[in-house]
């Protein structure tokens, strides 16, 4: 098991969300926000999840309030927003810090020193494609839409 799969996060209801069950599956980790111009990407992420989940892809939404305070809600508010507006069924974590001194260990592995794609997260909806063995296969900019051909090709390639 990889270091990523050793982590246990909390979901938006406060329940433990271990990443171990995702070992062997493809993960698309996305830092998300409810009040961002890119928020409509939730719809595309849900569609992507529905389209590829049977083949082994899980989208993991990671709420973050580090970019212009665009995720100010409580966990309950975030969950209701995602369910009501976008029908989100993929897992959502509790809010995490993705940059800075308090960067969560997940983001230290994804983008920290020594990572395959190091560097600060630039904005909401930055995406990391993580192989079943925990290797980060690709990093996509926030404006890369969930139906972008390059992202779809990377997912198809990883799923075989």
N, C-alpha and C. Protein backbone atom coordinates (compact mmCIF):
# COMPACT_ATOMS: atom_id res chain seq x y z
N UNK A 1 0.84 -1.18 0.00
CA UNK A 1 0.00 0.00 0.00
C UNK A 1 0.88 1.25 0.00
N UNK A 2 0.41 2.28 -0.68
CA UNK A 2 1.20 3.51 -0.78
C UNK A 2 0.93 4.42 0.40
N UNK A 3 1.74 5.46 0.51
CA UNK A 3 1.57 6.44 1.58
C UNK A 3 0.19 7.11 1.50
N UNK A 4 -0.29 7.37 0.29
CA UNK A 4 -1.61 7.98 0.13
C UNK A 4 -2.67 7.04 0.71
N UNK A 5 -2.54 5.77 0.44
CA UNK A 5 -3.54 4.80 0.92
C UNK A 5 -3.43 4.53 2.42
N UNK A 6 -2.36 4.99 3.04
CA UNK A 6 -2.21 4.88 4.48
C UNK A 6 -3.00 5.95 5.23
N UNK A 7 -3.42 6.99 4.52
CA UNK A 7 -4.09 8.13 5.15
C UNK A 7 -5.55 7.81 5.48
N UNK A 8 -6.01 8.41 6.55
CA UNK A 8 -7.44 8.42 6.87
C UNK A 8 -7.84 9.88 7.05
N UNK A 9 -8.80 10.31 6.27
CA UNK A 9 -9.33 11.66 6.35
C UNK A 9 -10.66 11.58 7.08
N UNK A 10 -11.35 12.69 7.20
CA UNK A 10 -12.73 12.69 7.67
C UNK A 10 -13.60 13.12 6.51
N UNK A 11 -14.82 12.58 6.44
CA UNK A 11 -15.75 13.05 5.42
C UNK A 11 -16.53 14.25 5.99
N UNK A 12 -17.44 14.78 5.20
CA UNK A 12 -18.17 15.97 5.63
C UNK A 12 -19.11 15.72 6.80
N UNK A 13 -19.40 14.46 7.09
CA UNK A 13 -20.25 14.17 8.25
C UNK A 13 -19.41 13.91 9.50
N UNK A 14 -18.08 14.01 9.37
CA UNK A 14 -17.19 13.78 10.50
C UNK A 14 -16.78 12.33 10.67
N UNK A 15 -17.24 11.47 9.78
CA UNK A 15 -16.88 10.04 9.85
C UNK A 15 -15.51 9.82 9.22
N UNK A 16 -14.76 8.84 9.73
CA UNK A 16 -13.46 8.52 9.12
C UNK A 16 -13.63 8.10 7.66
N UNK A 17 -12.73 8.57 6.83
CA UNK A 17 -12.70 8.23 5.42
C UNK A 17 -11.31 7.70 5.09
N UNK A 18 -11.08 6.41 5.38
CA UNK A 18 -9.76 5.84 5.07
C UNK A 18 -9.58 5.73 3.55
N UNK A 19 -8.36 5.99 3.10
CA UNK A 19 -8.09 5.87 1.66
C UNK A 19 -7.63 4.47 1.28
N UNK A 20 -7.40 3.60 2.27
CA UNK A 20 -6.98 2.22 1.99
C UNK A 20 -7.92 1.49 1.04
N UNK A 21 -9.24 1.62 1.16
CA UNK A 21 -10.12 0.91 0.23
C UNK A 21 -9.96 1.33 -1.24
N UNK A 22 -9.30 2.46 -1.47
CA UNK A 22 -9.10 2.93 -2.84
C UNK A 22 -7.80 2.41 -3.46
N UNK A 23 -7.03 1.65 -2.70
CA UNK A 23 -5.84 1.02 -3.26
C UNK A 23 -6.29 0.12 -4.40
N UNK A 24 -5.61 0.19 -5.51
CA UNK A 24 -5.98 -0.60 -6.68
C UNK A 24 -6.98 0.11 -7.58
N UNK A 25 -7.49 1.24 -7.14
CA UNK A 25 -8.43 2.02 -7.95
C UNK A 25 -7.78 3.33 -8.37
N UNK A 26 -8.35 3.93 -9.38
CA UNK A 26 -7.90 5.23 -9.85
C UNK A 26 -8.64 6.30 -9.07
N UNK A 27 -7.92 7.29 -8.57
CA UNK A 27 -8.51 8.40 -7.83
C UNK A 27 -8.28 9.70 -8.58
N UNK A 28 -9.31 10.52 -8.67
CA UNK A 28 -9.17 11.89 -9.16
C UNK A 28 -9.44 12.77 -7.96
N UNK A 29 -8.38 13.37 -7.40
CA UNK A 29 -8.47 14.20 -6.21
C UNK A 29 -8.60 15.65 -6.67
N UNK A 30 -9.67 16.32 -6.21
CA UNK A 30 -9.98 17.68 -6.67
C UNK A 30 -10.29 18.55 -5.46
N UNK A 31 -9.56 19.66 -5.30
CA UNK A 31 -9.95 20.61 -4.25
C UNK A 31 -11.10 21.45 -4.78
N UNK A 32 -12.18 21.48 -4.02
CA UNK A 32 -13.45 22.04 -4.49
C UNK A 32 -13.89 23.22 -3.61
N UNK A 33 -14.80 24.03 -4.16
CA UNK A 33 -15.36 25.17 -3.43
C UNK A 33 -16.74 25.48 -3.98
N UNK A 34 -17.62 25.96 -3.10
CA UNK A 34 -19.02 26.20 -3.46
C UNK A 34 -19.29 27.58 -4.05
N UNK A 35 -18.39 28.53 -3.85
CA UNK A 35 -18.65 29.90 -4.29
C UNK A 35 -17.60 30.39 -5.28
N UNK A 36 -17.17 29.54 -6.17
CA UNK A 36 -16.12 29.83 -7.14
C UNK A 36 -16.73 29.87 -8.54
N UNK A 37 -16.13 30.63 -9.42
CA UNK A 37 -16.58 30.63 -10.80
C UNK A 37 -16.47 29.26 -11.45
N UNK A 38 -15.63 28.40 -10.90
CA UNK A 38 -15.45 27.05 -11.44
C UNK A 38 -16.37 26.02 -10.77
N UNK A 39 -17.18 26.44 -9.81
CA UNK A 39 -18.06 25.53 -9.08
C UNK A 39 -18.93 24.67 -9.99
N UNK A 40 -19.39 25.17 -11.13
CA UNK A 40 -20.19 24.30 -12.01
C UNK A 40 -19.45 23.03 -12.46
N UNK A 41 -18.14 22.96 -12.24
CA UNK A 41 -17.41 21.73 -12.55
C UNK A 41 -17.92 20.55 -11.71
N UNK A 42 -18.59 20.83 -10.59
CA UNK A 42 -19.18 19.74 -9.82
C UNK A 42 -20.04 18.84 -10.71
N UNK A 43 -20.81 19.45 -11.60
CA UNK A 43 -21.69 18.66 -12.49
C UNK A 43 -20.86 17.72 -13.36
N UNK A 44 -19.79 18.22 -13.94
CA UNK A 44 -18.93 17.40 -14.78
C UNK A 44 -18.19 16.34 -13.99
N UNK A 45 -17.79 16.67 -12.76
CA UNK A 45 -17.11 15.68 -11.92
C UNK A 45 -18.06 14.54 -11.57
N UNK A 46 -19.32 14.88 -11.27
CA UNK A 46 -20.31 13.84 -10.98
C UNK A 46 -20.55 12.97 -12.21
N UNK A 47 -20.63 13.60 -13.38
CA UNK A 47 -20.83 12.84 -14.62
C UNK A 47 -19.64 11.92 -14.87
N UNK A 48 -18.45 12.42 -14.65
CA UNK A 48 -17.23 11.62 -14.81
C UNK A 48 -17.25 10.42 -13.85
N UNK A 49 -17.63 10.67 -12.62
CA UNK A 49 -17.72 9.61 -11.62
C UNK A 49 -18.72 8.54 -12.06
N UNK A 50 -19.88 8.97 -12.51
CA UNK A 50 -20.89 8.01 -12.94
C UNK A 50 -20.43 7.22 -14.17
N UNK A 51 -19.74 7.89 -15.07
CA UNK A 51 -19.29 7.26 -16.31
C UNK A 51 -18.20 6.22 -16.08
N UNK A 52 -17.30 6.47 -15.12
CA UNK A 52 -16.10 5.64 -14.97
C UNK A 52 -16.05 4.82 -13.68
N UNK A 53 -16.97 5.01 -12.77
CA UNK A 53 -16.84 4.33 -11.47
C UNK A 53 -16.87 2.82 -11.59
N UNK A 54 -17.65 2.29 -12.51
CA UNK A 54 -17.70 0.83 -12.68
C UNK A 54 -16.37 0.28 -13.19
N UNK A 55 -15.58 1.14 -13.83
CA UNK A 55 -14.26 0.73 -14.32
C UNK A 55 -13.15 0.97 -13.31
N UNK A 56 -13.50 1.59 -12.15
CA UNK A 56 -12.49 1.74 -11.10
C UNK A 56 -12.05 3.15 -10.79
N UNK A 57 -12.78 4.17 -11.24
CA UNK A 57 -12.42 5.55 -10.91
C UNK A 57 -13.29 6.06 -9.77
N UNK A 58 -12.65 6.71 -8.80
CA UNK A 58 -13.37 7.44 -7.77
C UNK A 58 -12.91 8.88 -7.82
N UNK A 59 -13.87 9.79 -7.82
CA UNK A 59 -13.57 11.21 -7.66
C UNK A 59 -13.60 11.48 -6.16
N UNK A 60 -12.60 12.18 -5.66
CA UNK A 60 -12.54 12.55 -4.26
C UNK A 60 -12.53 14.07 -4.18
N UNK A 61 -13.63 14.65 -3.71
CA UNK A 61 -13.73 16.09 -3.56
C UNK A 61 -13.18 16.54 -2.22
N UNK A 62 -12.33 17.55 -2.26
CA UNK A 62 -11.66 18.04 -1.05
C UNK A 62 -11.99 19.54 -0.89
N UNK A 63 -13.02 19.87 -0.12
CA UNK A 63 -13.33 21.28 0.10
C UNK A 63 -12.15 22.03 0.73
N UNK A 64 -11.95 23.25 0.25
CA UNK A 64 -10.84 24.07 0.72
C UNK A 64 -11.29 25.53 0.69
N UNK A 65 -10.96 26.26 1.74
CA UNK A 65 -11.35 27.67 1.84
C UNK A 65 -10.14 28.59 1.72
N UNK A 66 -9.06 28.13 1.12
CA UNK A 66 -7.84 28.93 1.04
C UNK A 66 -7.81 29.90 -0.13
N UNK A 67 -8.77 29.86 -1.02
CA UNK A 67 -8.73 30.70 -2.21
C UNK A 67 -9.89 31.68 -2.17
N UNK A 68 -9.60 32.90 -1.75
CA UNK A 68 -10.56 34.00 -1.69
C UNK A 68 -11.79 33.65 -0.83
N UNK A 69 -11.63 32.75 0.13
CA UNK A 69 -12.73 32.40 1.02
C UNK A 69 -13.94 31.84 0.31
N UNK A 70 -13.71 31.08 -0.77
CA UNK A 70 -14.81 30.62 -1.62
C UNK A 70 -15.46 29.32 -1.14
N UNK A 71 -15.02 28.81 0.01
CA UNK A 71 -15.70 27.66 0.63
C UNK A 71 -15.90 27.96 2.11
N UNK A 72 -16.79 28.95 2.40
CA UNK A 72 -16.95 29.39 3.79
C UNK A 72 -17.91 28.54 4.62
N UNK A 73 -18.66 27.66 3.99
CA UNK A 73 -19.73 26.95 4.67
C UNK A 73 -19.28 25.94 5.70
N UNK A 74 -20.24 25.56 6.53
CA UNK A 74 -20.03 24.47 7.48
C UNK A 74 -20.04 23.16 6.69
N UNK A 75 -19.58 22.08 7.28
CA UNK A 75 -19.67 20.80 6.57
C UNK A 75 -21.09 20.48 6.11
N UNK A 76 -22.08 20.75 6.97
CA UNK A 76 -23.47 20.47 6.61
C UNK A 76 -23.90 21.32 5.41
N UNK A 77 -23.53 22.60 5.41
CA UNK A 77 -23.89 23.48 4.31
C UNK A 77 -23.23 23.02 3.00
N UNK A 78 -21.98 22.62 3.07
CA UNK A 78 -21.27 22.16 1.87
C UNK A 78 -21.95 20.91 1.32
N UNK A 79 -22.25 19.97 2.21
CA UNK A 79 -22.89 18.73 1.79
C UNK A 79 -24.25 19.00 1.15
N UNK A 80 -25.06 19.83 1.79
CA UNK A 80 -26.38 20.16 1.23
C UNK A 80 -26.25 20.86 -0.11
N UNK A 81 -25.31 21.78 -0.21
CA UNK A 81 -25.08 22.49 -1.47
C UNK A 81 -24.75 21.50 -2.59
N UNK A 82 -23.83 20.59 -2.31
CA UNK A 82 -23.39 19.63 -3.34
C UNK A 82 -24.51 18.68 -3.73
N UNK A 83 -25.27 18.22 -2.75
CA UNK A 83 -26.38 17.30 -3.04
C UNK A 83 -27.51 18.01 -3.79
N UNK A 84 -27.91 19.16 -3.29
CA UNK A 84 -29.06 19.87 -3.84
C UNK A 84 -28.78 20.43 -5.24
N UNK A 85 -27.61 21.02 -5.42
CA UNK A 85 -27.31 21.70 -6.69
C UNK A 85 -26.71 20.80 -7.77
N UNK A 86 -25.97 19.77 -7.36
CA UNK A 86 -25.25 18.97 -8.34
C UNK A 86 -25.45 17.47 -8.20
N UNK A 87 -26.21 17.02 -7.21
CA UNK A 87 -26.44 15.60 -7.03
C UNK A 87 -25.17 14.81 -6.79
N UNK A 88 -24.20 15.43 -6.13
CA UNK A 88 -22.89 14.79 -5.94
C UNK A 88 -23.04 13.51 -5.13
N UNK A 89 -22.51 12.43 -5.66
CA UNK A 89 -22.53 11.14 -4.96
C UNK A 89 -21.11 10.64 -4.67
N UNK A 90 -20.09 11.31 -5.21
CA UNK A 90 -18.72 10.89 -4.91
C UNK A 90 -18.34 11.39 -3.52
N UNK A 91 -17.33 10.75 -2.91
CA UNK A 91 -16.95 11.13 -1.55
C UNK A 91 -16.40 12.55 -1.46
N UNK A 92 -16.77 13.22 -0.38
CA UNK A 92 -16.28 14.56 -0.07
C UNK A 92 -15.64 14.53 1.31
N UNK A 93 -14.45 15.08 1.41
CA UNK A 93 -13.75 15.13 2.69
C UNK A 93 -14.17 16.37 3.47
N UNK A 94 -13.78 16.40 4.73
CA UNK A 94 -13.87 17.64 5.50
C UNK A 94 -12.92 18.65 4.84
N UNK A 95 -13.10 19.92 5.15
CA UNK A 95 -12.22 20.96 4.61
C UNK A 95 -10.78 20.68 4.99
N UNK A 96 -9.89 20.87 4.02
CA UNK A 96 -8.46 20.69 4.25
C UNK A 96 -7.69 21.92 3.77
N UNK A 97 -6.51 22.09 4.32
CA UNK A 97 -5.56 23.09 3.82
C UNK A 97 -4.73 22.40 2.75
N UNK A 98 -4.63 23.02 1.58
CA UNK A 98 -3.89 22.40 0.48
C UNK A 98 -2.53 23.07 0.26
N UNK A 99 -2.34 24.24 0.82
CA UNK A 99 -1.09 24.99 0.71
C UNK A 99 -0.64 25.47 2.08
N UNK A 100 0.61 25.89 2.14
CA UNK A 100 1.12 26.56 3.34
C UNK A 100 1.59 25.62 4.42
N UNK A 101 1.87 26.23 5.55
CA UNK A 101 2.45 25.52 6.69
C UNK A 101 1.55 24.40 7.20
N UNK A 102 0.24 24.60 7.10
CA UNK A 102 -0.70 23.60 7.60
C UNK A 102 -1.24 22.69 6.49
N UNK A 103 -0.52 22.61 5.38
CA UNK A 103 -0.92 21.74 4.27
C UNK A 103 -1.15 20.33 4.79
N UNK A 104 -2.30 19.78 4.44
CA UNK A 104 -2.65 18.43 4.88
C UNK A 104 -1.67 17.41 4.28
N UNK A 105 -1.41 16.32 5.01
CA UNK A 105 -0.49 15.29 4.49
C UNK A 105 -0.88 14.78 3.10
N UNK A 106 -2.17 14.73 2.77
CA UNK A 106 -2.57 14.31 1.43
C UNK A 106 -1.96 15.22 0.39
N UNK A 107 -2.02 16.52 0.63
CA UNK A 107 -1.48 17.47 -0.35
C UNK A 107 0.04 17.58 -0.28
N UNK A 108 0.62 17.20 0.85
CA UNK A 108 2.09 17.10 0.89
C UNK A 108 2.54 15.98 -0.05
N UNK A 109 1.79 14.88 -0.05
CA UNK A 109 2.12 13.77 -0.95
C UNK A 109 1.84 14.12 -2.41
N UNK A 110 0.75 14.83 -2.66
CA UNK A 110 0.38 15.16 -4.03
C UNK A 110 1.27 16.24 -4.63
N UNK A 111 1.58 17.28 -3.84
CA UNK A 111 2.20 18.47 -4.42
C UNK A 111 3.37 19.03 -3.62
N UNK A 112 3.73 18.36 -2.55
CA UNK A 112 4.81 18.86 -1.70
C UNK A 112 6.19 18.55 -2.26
N UNK A 113 7.18 18.91 -1.49
CA UNK A 113 8.57 18.67 -1.88
C UNK A 113 8.78 17.17 -2.12
N UNK A 114 9.39 16.84 -3.23
CA UNK A 114 9.65 15.45 -3.58
C UNK A 114 8.52 14.78 -4.34
N UNK A 115 7.38 15.44 -4.48
CA UNK A 115 6.26 14.87 -5.24
C UNK A 115 6.58 14.88 -6.73
N UNK A 116 5.88 14.05 -7.49
CA UNK A 116 6.08 14.02 -8.94
C UNK A 116 5.63 15.30 -9.62
N UNK A 117 4.64 15.98 -9.04
CA UNK A 117 4.12 17.23 -9.59
C UNK A 117 4.09 18.28 -8.47
N UNK A 118 5.28 18.73 -8.01
CA UNK A 118 5.34 19.61 -6.86
C UNK A 118 4.88 21.03 -7.19
N UNK A 119 4.54 21.74 -6.15
CA UNK A 119 4.19 23.15 -6.28
C UNK A 119 2.84 23.43 -5.66
N UNK A 120 2.68 24.66 -5.22
CA UNK A 120 1.42 25.04 -4.58
C UNK A 120 0.24 24.84 -5.50
N UNK A 121 -0.89 24.56 -4.89
CA UNK A 121 -2.16 24.48 -5.61
C UNK A 121 -2.50 25.91 -6.01
N UNK A 122 -2.86 26.12 -7.27
CA UNK A 122 -3.03 27.48 -7.76
C UNK A 122 -4.42 28.05 -7.50
N UNK A 123 -5.44 27.19 -7.44
CA UNK A 123 -6.81 27.67 -7.26
C UNK A 123 -7.72 26.47 -7.02
N UNK A 124 -8.99 26.75 -6.79
CA UNK A 124 -9.99 25.70 -6.63
C UNK A 124 -10.07 24.84 -7.90
N UNK A 125 -10.39 23.60 -7.73
CA UNK A 125 -10.63 22.63 -8.80
C UNK A 125 -9.37 22.19 -9.54
N UNK A 126 -8.22 22.27 -8.86
CA UNK A 126 -7.01 21.64 -9.40
C UNK A 126 -7.17 20.14 -9.19
N UNK A 127 -6.69 19.36 -10.17
CA UNK A 127 -6.98 17.92 -10.18
C UNK A 127 -5.69 17.09 -10.22
N UNK A 128 -5.69 16.01 -9.43
CA UNK A 128 -4.59 15.05 -9.43
C UNK A 128 -5.15 13.68 -9.75
N UNK A 129 -4.56 13.01 -10.72
CA UNK A 129 -4.94 11.65 -11.07
C UNK A 129 -3.95 10.70 -10.40
N UNK A 130 -4.47 9.86 -9.50
CA UNK A 130 -3.63 8.99 -8.68
C UNK A 130 -3.91 7.53 -9.05
N UNK A 131 -2.87 6.81 -9.44
CA UNK A 131 -2.99 5.41 -9.82
C UNK A 131 -3.33 4.55 -8.60
N UNK A 132 -3.76 3.33 -8.88
CA UNK A 132 -4.11 2.40 -7.82
C UNK A 132 -2.97 2.07 -6.89
N UNK A 133 -1.73 2.26 -7.35
CA UNK A 133 -0.56 2.01 -6.49
C UNK A 133 -0.11 3.27 -5.76
N UNK A 134 -0.87 4.36 -5.91
CA UNK A 134 -0.55 5.59 -5.19
C UNK A 134 0.32 6.58 -5.95
N UNK A 135 0.82 6.18 -7.11
CA UNK A 135 1.62 7.12 -7.91
C UNK A 135 0.71 8.20 -8.49
N UNK A 136 1.21 9.44 -8.46
CA UNK A 136 0.47 10.52 -9.09
C UNK A 136 0.83 10.51 -10.58
N UNK A 137 -0.18 10.27 -11.40
CA UNK A 137 0.03 10.13 -12.84
C UNK A 137 0.00 11.46 -13.58
N UNK A 138 -0.81 12.39 -13.09
CA UNK A 138 -0.96 13.66 -13.81
C UNK A 138 -1.55 14.70 -12.87
N UNK A 139 -1.32 15.94 -13.24
CA UNK A 139 -1.88 17.08 -12.53
C UNK A 139 -2.51 17.99 -13.57
N UNK A 140 -3.73 18.44 -13.28
CA UNK A 140 -4.46 19.26 -14.23
C UNK A 140 -4.85 20.58 -13.59
N UNK A 141 -4.72 21.64 -14.35
CA UNK A 141 -5.01 22.99 -13.89
C UNK A 141 -6.49 23.14 -13.54
N UNK A 142 -6.81 24.11 -12.68
CA UNK A 142 -8.21 24.31 -12.28
C UNK A 142 -9.18 24.48 -13.44
N UNK A 143 -8.78 25.17 -14.47
CA UNK A 143 -9.70 25.41 -15.59
C UNK A 143 -9.85 24.20 -16.52
N UNK A 144 -9.11 23.14 -16.26
CA UNK A 144 -9.29 21.92 -17.05
C UNK A 144 -10.63 21.30 -16.66
N UNK A 145 -11.55 21.32 -17.59
CA UNK A 145 -12.90 20.82 -17.32
C UNK A 145 -12.89 19.30 -17.17
N UNK A 146 -13.84 18.75 -16.42
CA UNK A 146 -13.90 17.30 -16.26
C UNK A 146 -14.06 16.53 -17.57
N UNK A 147 -14.59 17.18 -18.61
CA UNK A 147 -14.73 16.49 -19.90
C UNK A 147 -13.62 16.87 -20.89
N UNK A 148 -12.55 17.48 -20.39
CA UNK A 148 -11.42 17.85 -21.24
C UNK A 148 -10.82 16.59 -21.85
N UNK A 149 -10.55 16.59 -23.16
CA UNK A 149 -10.00 15.40 -23.81
C UNK A 149 -8.70 14.87 -23.17
N UNK A 150 -7.84 15.76 -22.72
CA UNK A 150 -6.58 15.31 -22.11
C UNK A 150 -6.84 14.57 -20.80
N UNK A 151 -7.78 15.05 -20.01
CA UNK A 151 -8.13 14.38 -18.75
C UNK A 151 -8.79 13.04 -19.03
N UNK A 152 -9.73 13.02 -19.97
CA UNK A 152 -10.40 11.76 -20.33
C UNK A 152 -9.41 10.74 -20.87
N UNK A 153 -8.46 11.20 -21.67
CA UNK A 153 -7.45 10.28 -22.21
C UNK A 153 -6.57 9.72 -21.10
N UNK A 154 -6.19 10.56 -20.14
CA UNK A 154 -5.37 10.09 -19.02
C UNK A 154 -6.13 9.05 -18.19
N UNK A 155 -7.42 9.28 -17.98
CA UNK A 155 -8.24 8.32 -17.24
C UNK A 155 -8.35 7.01 -18.02
N UNK A 156 -8.66 7.10 -19.30
CA UNK A 156 -8.76 5.88 -20.13
C UNK A 156 -7.45 5.12 -20.15
N UNK A 157 -6.33 5.82 -20.29
CA UNK A 157 -5.01 5.17 -20.31
C UNK A 157 -4.74 4.45 -18.99
N UNK A 158 -5.09 5.11 -17.90
CA UNK A 158 -4.81 4.52 -16.56
C UNK A 158 -5.70 3.32 -16.28
N UNK A 159 -6.92 3.35 -16.79
CA UNK A 159 -7.85 2.25 -16.56
C UNK A 159 -7.63 1.08 -17.52
N UNK A 160 -6.86 1.35 -18.57
CA UNK A 160 -6.54 0.29 -19.53
C UNK A 160 -7.59 0.02 -20.50
